[in-house]
Amino acid sequence: MNIATIGTSWITESFIDSSRYIDNVSVYSVYSRSEDKAKAFAEKNKVNKFYFSLEKMLSDENIDAVYIASPNSMHYEQAKMCLLSGKHVICEKPAVVTSEQLKEIYEIADSRNLIFLEAMKSMHSDGLDVIKNNIADLGEIRTASIDFSQHSSKYGAYKRGENPNIFNPEYCTGALMDLGVYCVYFALEIFGEPVKVISHSDFLESGADCTGTLIFVYGDKTVTITYSKTANGFLGSRILGENGAITVNSVSKLTGISRYYNDGRKEELYPVIDENIVMSKEIEAFRDFVDGKKMEYYDYCKQMAFASCRIIENIRKDNNFGF
């Protein structure tokens, strides 16, 4: 499977590196609107072909699929273009902004027998199975705390008066769309859809949200979610049961997982591993879906994408986001 990439940030570089772990997958070309940037990015990442016209790239019959890692606001239109050109698509989270957009994208993909996958690497991490296989041992669970707080490398530039994309709501981004989405996915994976969501967001002067708190109410348990782009969390996430706890160092990769017993013992269940290995798992899943394998899990990934999109859309409405 030959993949073309859209976007020239660190996440695209990580995707290219991760793809090299997977058989029958090759990054064939890269794209940027700037010819110089496209050429430099291809050379840096040892990719032989580059494009600075999206239309020309999509007319290349050697390309089977496209990985989209452009700003969030561009995902919908670019995904449509790719699908209408007959290319499978794996799109960085959040794949689109609204559930109506997601519905349309899947209708286009399904009508053309193409795969559209939201690139949520935690869905395909081996750590997810580790948690699911051990969570019953915790006994009754009444509460959990999920956190993804990461001081943005762009926050200093913002405070100096610049307007980086990640803090510019014109690009449909901010803390919820960048980090909170991982927390929502994790809660959905482990506990299912809540009966009620209570939310609060804090905003920068730019209009972008910088921190947020969500309370997922399930009836028999309450899950608290926090996320921030202006501070580091350090402590990770915790699922607390009557027989002990499971802690997760990284909610985005689902690595660094430990089990704590009530007598004070600690057991490492899954270590911190290289991020590219984790990302390679989602690329492997995407390849399998394109090959017509594991289609029941593909349908489940669709369901998860819709559930996450609906919840995040409602959070934005409740907190008066600008998009």
Protein backbone atom coordinates (compact mmCIF):
# COMPACT_ATOMS: atom_id res chain seq x y z
CA MET A 1 0.00 0.00 0.00
CA ASN A 2 1.47 3.33 -1.11
CA ILE A 3 0.55 6.22 1.19
CA ALA A 4 0.84 9.95 0.55
CA THR A 5 0.98 12.37 3.47
CA ILE A 6 -0.55 15.81 3.93
CA GLY A 7 1.15 18.00 6.53
CA THR A 8 4.76 18.62 7.51
CA SER A 9 4.68 18.71 11.31
CA TRP A 10 6.32 16.35 13.79
CA ILE A 11 3.30 14.04 13.75
CA THR A 12 3.74 13.42 10.02
CA GLU A 13 7.40 12.64 10.59
CA SER A 14 6.37 10.20 13.30
CA PHE A 15 3.85 8.59 10.93
CA ILE A 16 6.54 8.14 8.28
CA ASP A 17 8.94 6.60 10.81
CA SER A 18 6.21 4.38 12.22
CA SER A 19 5.17 3.12 8.80
CA ARG A 20 8.60 1.53 8.36
CA TYR A 21 7.71 -1.04 11.03
CA ILE A 22 4.83 -2.39 8.94
CA ASP A 23 5.06 -4.83 6.03
CA ASN A 24 3.46 -3.89 2.71
CA VAL A 25 3.19 -0.22 3.65
CA SER A 26 5.29 2.53 2.10
CA VAL A 27 5.12 6.32 2.29
CA TYR A 28 5.27 7.07 -1.42
CA SER A 29 4.99 10.88 -1.41
CA VAL A 30 4.53 13.95 0.77
CA TYR A 31 2.54 17.12 0.17
CA SER A 32 2.84 20.74 1.23
CA ARG A 33 1.36 23.86 -0.33
CA SER A 34 4.92 25.23 -0.53
CA GLU A 35 7.19 23.62 -3.13
CA ASP A 36 10.31 24.38 -1.07
CA LYS A 37 8.78 22.98 2.09
CA ALA A 38 7.50 19.87 0.32
CA LYS A 39 10.91 19.19 -1.22
CA ALA A 40 12.79 19.77 2.05
CA PHE A 41 10.36 17.58 4.00
CA ALA A 42 10.69 14.75 1.48
CA GLU A 43 14.49 14.93 1.60
CA LYS A 44 14.58 15.06 5.41
CA ASN A 45 12.34 12.00 5.72
CA LYS A 46 13.86 10.04 2.82
CA VAL A 47 10.68 10.03 0.73
CA ASN A 48 11.34 9.99 -3.01
CA LYS A 49 8.37 11.98 -4.30
CA PHE A 50 6.79 15.26 -3.25
CA TYR A 51 3.85 17.38 -4.40
CA PHE A 52 2.80 20.97 -3.83
CA SER A 53 -0.45 20.59 -5.78
CA LEU A 54 -3.03 18.46 -3.98
CA GLU A 55 -4.95 17.89 -7.19
CA LYS A 56 -1.85 16.53 -8.95
CA MET A 57 -1.03 14.29 -6.01
CA LEU A 58 -4.53 12.83 -5.97
CA SER A 59 -4.34 12.11 -9.68
CA ASP A 60 -1.29 9.88 -9.12
CA GLU A 61 -2.56 6.33 -9.67
CA ASN A 62 0.36 4.90 -7.68
CA ILE A 63 -1.11 6.33 -4.47
CA ASP A 64 -3.52 4.01 -2.66
CA ALA A 65 -4.17 6.01 0.49
CA VAL A 66 -3.59 9.38 2.13
CA TYR A 67 -2.62 10.28 5.69
CA ILE A 68 -3.99 13.71 6.64
CA ALA A 69 -2.23 15.69 9.36
CA SER A 70 -3.10 19.25 8.38
CA PRO A 71 -4.83 21.70 10.78
CA ASN A 72 -8.19 20.42 12.01
CA SER A 73 -10.18 22.95 9.99
CA MET A 74 -8.83 21.47 6.74
CA HIS A 75 -9.53 17.79 7.45
CA TYR A 76 -13.09 17.68 6.15
CA GLU A 77 -12.46 19.21 2.72
CA GLN A 78 -9.20 17.37 2.19
CA ALA A 79 -10.71 14.04 3.25
CA LYS A 80 -13.57 14.55 0.79
CA MET A 81 -11.13 15.33 -2.00
CA CYS A 82 -9.09 12.22 -1.26
CA LEU A 83 -12.10 9.91 -1.08
CA LEU A 84 -13.66 11.34 -4.23
CA SER A 85 -10.32 10.68 -5.94
CA GLY A 86 -10.54 7.02 -4.97
CA LYS A 87 -8.00 7.09 -2.12
CA HIS A 88 -8.40 5.46 1.27
CA VAL A 89 -7.90 7.94 4.13
CA ILE A 90 -6.41 7.83 7.60
CA CYS A 91 -6.94 11.23 9.20
CA GLU A 92 -5.44 12.63 12.38
CA LYS A 93 -7.77 13.20 15.28
CA PRO A 94 -10.17 14.85 15.45
CA ALA A 95 -11.00 13.65 11.96
CA VAL A 96 -13.64 16.33 11.43
CA VAL A 97 -15.35 19.01 13.50
CA THR A 98 -19.04 18.04 13.39
CA SER A 99 -21.02 14.81 13.39
CA GLU A 100 -22.74 15.91 10.15
CA GLN A 101 -19.35 16.16 8.47
CA LEU A 102 -18.39 12.73 9.79
CA LYS A 103 -21.65 11.22 8.52
CA GLU A 104 -21.02 12.64 5.04
CA ILE A 105 -17.41 11.43 4.99
CA TYR A 106 -18.39 7.88 5.90
CA GLU A 107 -21.21 7.88 3.34
CA ILE A 108 -18.73 8.86 0.62
CA ALA A 109 -16.20 6.26 1.76
CA ASP A 110 -18.76 3.46 2.08
CA SER A 111 -20.33 4.19 -1.31
CA ARG A 112 -16.92 3.80 -2.95
CA ASN A 113 -15.75 0.81 -0.90
CA LEU A 114 -13.02 2.94 0.66
CA ILE A 115 -11.70 3.06 4.22
CA PHE A 116 -11.84 6.21 6.31
CA LEU A 117 -10.16 5.91 9.71
CA GLU A 118 -9.72 8.47 12.45
CA ALA A 119 -6.11 8.13 13.57
CA MET A 120 -6.60 7.44 17.26
CA LYS A 121 -3.53 5.40 18.18
CA SER A 122 -4.80 4.47 21.64
CA MET A 123 -7.55 2.41 19.94
CA HIS A 124 -4.89 0.10 18.54
CA SER A 125 -2.38 0.12 21.40
CA ASP A 126 -1.58 -3.20 23.05
CA GLY A 127 -2.04 -1.29 26.30
CA LEU A 128 -5.78 -1.10 25.71
CA ASP A 129 -6.08 -4.88 25.86
CA VAL A 130 -3.88 -4.91 28.97
CA ILE A 131 -6.27 -2.58 30.77
CA LYS A 132 -9.38 -4.44 29.62
CA ASN A 133 -7.88 -7.78 30.68
CA ASN A 134 -7.03 -6.54 34.18
CA ILE A 135 -9.81 -4.13 35.06
CA ALA A 136 -12.20 -6.81 36.36
CA ASP A 137 -9.68 -7.65 39.10
CA LEU A 138 -10.24 -4.19 40.60
CA GLY A 139 -13.72 -5.19 41.74
CA GLU A 140 -16.41 -2.53 41.90
CA ILE A 141 -15.28 0.76 40.34
CA ARG A 142 -16.95 3.95 41.54
CA THR A 143 -14.54 6.58 40.24
CA ALA A 144 -11.74 7.24 37.78
CA SER A 145 -9.60 10.25 36.94
CA ILE A 146 -8.37 10.70 33.38
CA ASP A 147 -5.85 13.43 32.62
CA PHE A 148 -3.89 14.62 29.60
CA SER A 149 -2.17 17.85 30.53
CA GLN A 150 0.84 18.80 28.47
CA HIS A 151 2.52 22.20 28.45
CA SER A 152 2.49 23.17 24.79
CA SER A 153 5.80 23.92 23.10
CA LYS A 154 3.90 26.75 21.35
CA TYR A 155 2.66 28.39 24.57
CA GLY A 156 5.76 30.54 24.92
CA ALA A 157 5.25 31.90 21.42
CA TYR A 158 1.62 32.66 22.25
CA LYS A 159 2.62 34.56 25.39
CA ARG A 160 5.10 36.58 23.30
CA GLY A 161 2.19 37.81 21.22
CA GLU A 162 2.40 35.36 18.34
CA ASN A 163 -0.61 33.36 17.19
CA PRO A 164 0.43 29.72 16.64
CA ASN A 165 -2.13 27.43 14.98
CA ILE A 166 -2.74 25.39 18.12
CA PHE A 167 -4.04 28.48 19.95
CA ASN A 168 -5.96 29.91 17.00
CA PRO A 169 -9.65 28.91 16.97
CA GLU A 170 -9.81 29.62 13.23
CA TYR A 171 -8.13 26.22 12.87
CA CYS A 172 -10.75 24.49 15.08
CA THR A 173 -8.19 23.53 17.67
CA GLY A 174 -7.29 24.09 21.31
CA ALA A 175 -7.03 21.86 24.37
CA LEU A 176 -10.26 19.90 23.88
CA MET A 177 -9.64 19.07 20.23
CA ASP A 178 -5.94 18.37 20.70
CA LEU A 179 -5.77 16.59 24.07
CA GLY A 180 -9.26 16.17 25.48
CA VAL A 181 -10.25 13.95 22.56
CA TYR A 182 -7.84 11.26 23.83
CA CYS A 183 -9.47 11.38 27.26
CA VAL A 184 -12.96 11.11 25.80
CA TYR A 185 -11.94 8.12 23.71
CA PHE A 186 -10.37 6.42 26.72
CA ALA A 187 -13.49 6.89 28.84
CA LEU A 188 -15.67 5.55 26.04
CA GLU A 189 -13.41 2.53 25.52
CA ILE A 190 -13.30 1.54 29.18
CA PHE A 191 -16.70 2.62 30.51
CA GLY A 192 -18.94 3.22 27.49
CA GLU A 193 -21.10 6.27 26.81
CA PRO A 194 -22.10 8.29 29.89
CA VAL A 195 -25.69 9.13 30.70
CA LYS A 196 -24.69 12.75 31.37
CA VAL A 197 -21.72 15.03 30.65
CA ILE A 198 -20.94 18.11 32.75
CA SER A 199 -18.25 20.35 31.29
CA HIS A 200 -16.30 23.55 31.84
CA SER A 201 -13.69 25.15 29.58
CA ASP A 202 -11.23 27.99 30.18
CA PHE A 203 -10.17 30.20 27.29
CA LEU A 204 -7.21 32.32 26.27
CA GLU A 205 -7.68 35.83 24.87
CA SER A 206 -7.28 34.35 21.38
CA GLY A 207 -10.55 32.48 21.90
CA ALA A 208 -8.90 29.06 22.04
CA ASP A 209 -9.64 26.84 25.02
CA CYS A 210 -6.52 26.13 27.09
CA THR A 211 -7.87 23.84 29.83
CA GLY A 212 -11.01 21.88 30.49
CA THR A 213 -12.77 19.65 33.00
CA LEU A 214 -15.40 17.06 32.15
CA ILE A 215 -17.50 14.92 34.45
CA PHE A 216 -18.90 11.77 32.87
CA VAL A 217 -21.81 10.51 34.96
CA TYR A 218 -22.68 6.83 34.54
CA GLY A 219 -25.08 6.21 37.40
CA ASP A 220 -22.90 3.62 39.12
CA LYS A 221 -19.68 5.61 38.75
CA THR A 222 -18.36 9.07 37.98
CA VAL A 223 -15.33 9.72 35.76
CA THR A 224 -13.48 13.03 35.97
CA ILE A 225 -11.52 14.19 32.93
CA THR A 226 -9.00 17.03 32.92
CA TYR A 227 -6.79 18.34 30.14
CA SER A 228 -4.57 21.37 29.62
CA LYS A 229 -2.17 22.85 27.09
CA THR A 230 -0.67 25.31 29.57
CA ALA A 231 0.55 22.90 32.28
CA ASN A 232 2.00 19.42 32.65
CA GLY A 233 -0.01 16.78 34.47
CA PHE A 234 2.83 14.47 35.63
CA LEU A 235 0.54 12.06 37.52
CA GLY A 236 -1.30 10.37 34.64
CA SER A 237 -4.69 8.69 34.90
CA ARG A 238 -6.19 6.40 37.56
CA ILE A 239 -8.99 3.83 37.66
CA LEU A 240 -9.91 3.15 41.28
CA GLY A 241 -11.62 -0.05 42.42
CA GLU A 242 -12.39 -1.69 45.75
CA ASN A 243 -9.43 -4.08 45.25
CA GLY A 244 -6.86 -1.52 44.12
CA ALA A 245 -6.11 0.70 41.15
CA ILE A 246 -4.78 0.77 37.61
CA THR A 247 -2.69 3.78 36.65
CA VAL A 248 -1.83 4.89 33.13
CA ASN A 249 1.15 7.10 32.42
CA SER A 250 0.00 8.12 28.92
CA VAL A 251 -3.66 8.23 27.95
CA SER A 252 -2.77 8.97 24.31
CA LYS A 253 -0.48 5.96 23.86
CA LEU A 254 -1.80 3.74 26.69
CA THR A 255 1.67 2.87 27.91
CA GLY A 256 3.23 2.97 31.35
CA ILE A 257 0.40 0.95 32.91
CA SER A 258 0.63 -0.29 36.51
CA ARG A 259 -1.58 -2.19 38.94
CA TYR A 260 -1.66 -1.20 42.63
CA TYR A 261 -2.93 -3.57 45.32
CA ASN A 262 -4.52 -2.54 48.59
CA ASP A 263 -1.60 -4.00 50.53
CA GLY A 264 0.76 -1.55 48.83
CA ARG A 265 2.22 -3.83 46.17
CA LYS A 266 2.79 -2.45 42.67
CA GLU A 267 2.88 -4.52 39.49
CA GLU A 268 3.98 -3.19 36.10
CA LEU A 269 1.49 -4.34 33.49
CA TYR A 270 2.78 -2.56 30.38
CA PRO A 271 5.92 -0.42 30.10
CA VAL A 272 6.53 2.92 28.44
CA ILE A 273 7.54 2.10 24.87
CA ASP A 274 8.62 4.04 21.80
CA GLU A 275 5.78 6.18 20.43
CA ASN A 276 6.51 5.09 16.86
CA ILE A 277 5.84 1.47 17.81
CA VAL A 278 2.47 2.51 19.23
CA MET A 279 1.62 4.51 16.10
CA SER A 280 2.67 1.60 13.90
CA LYS A 281 -0.22 -0.40 15.38
CA GLU A 282 -2.80 2.02 13.96
CA ILE A 283 -1.06 1.94 10.56
CA GLU A 284 -1.16 -1.86 10.67
CA ALA A 285 -4.87 -1.75 11.49
CA PHE A 286 -5.47 0.70 8.63
CA ARG A 287 -3.62 -1.60 6.22
CA ASP A 288 -5.71 -4.56 7.39
CA PHE A 289 -8.95 -2.63 6.91
CA VAL A 290 -7.89 -1.63 3.39
CA ASP A 291 -7.15 -5.31 2.73
CA GLY A 292 -10.67 -6.22 3.87
CA LYS A 293 -9.55 -7.78 7.15
CA LYS A 294 -10.92 -7.25 10.68
CA MET A 295 -13.93 -5.38 9.31
CA GLU A 296 -15.96 -5.89 12.49
CA TYR A 297 -13.33 -3.88 14.31
CA TYR A 298 -13.43 -1.26 11.56
CA ASP A 299 -17.17 -0.89 12.18
CA TYR A 300 -16.44 -0.52 15.89
CA CYS A 301 -13.89 2.22 15.11
CA LYS A 302 -16.62 4.02 13.18
CA GLN A 303 -18.99 3.81 16.15
CA MET A 304 -16.31 5.18 18.45
CA ALA A 305 -15.57 8.05 16.08
CA PHE A 306 -19.25 9.04 16.01
CA ALA A 307 -19.66 8.76 19.80
CA SER A 308 -16.57 10.87 20.47
CA CYS A 309 -17.54 13.44 17.85
CA ARG A 310 -21.05 13.87 19.29
CA ILE A 311 -19.79 14.32 22.84
CA ILE A 312 -17.09 16.81 21.87
CA GLU A 313 -19.53 18.71 19.66
CA ASN A 314 -21.92 19.07 22.61
CA ILE A 315 -19.10 20.20 24.90
CA ARG A 316 -18.21 22.95 22.43
CA LYS A 317 -21.85 24.06 22.26
CA ASP A 318 -22.24 24.07 26.05
CA ASN A 319 -19.09 26.17 26.48
CA ASN A 320 -19.67 28.59 23.58
CA PHE A 321 -16.67 27.70 21.47
CA GLY A 322 -16.14 29.85 18.40
CA PHE A 323 -16.60 26.90 16.04
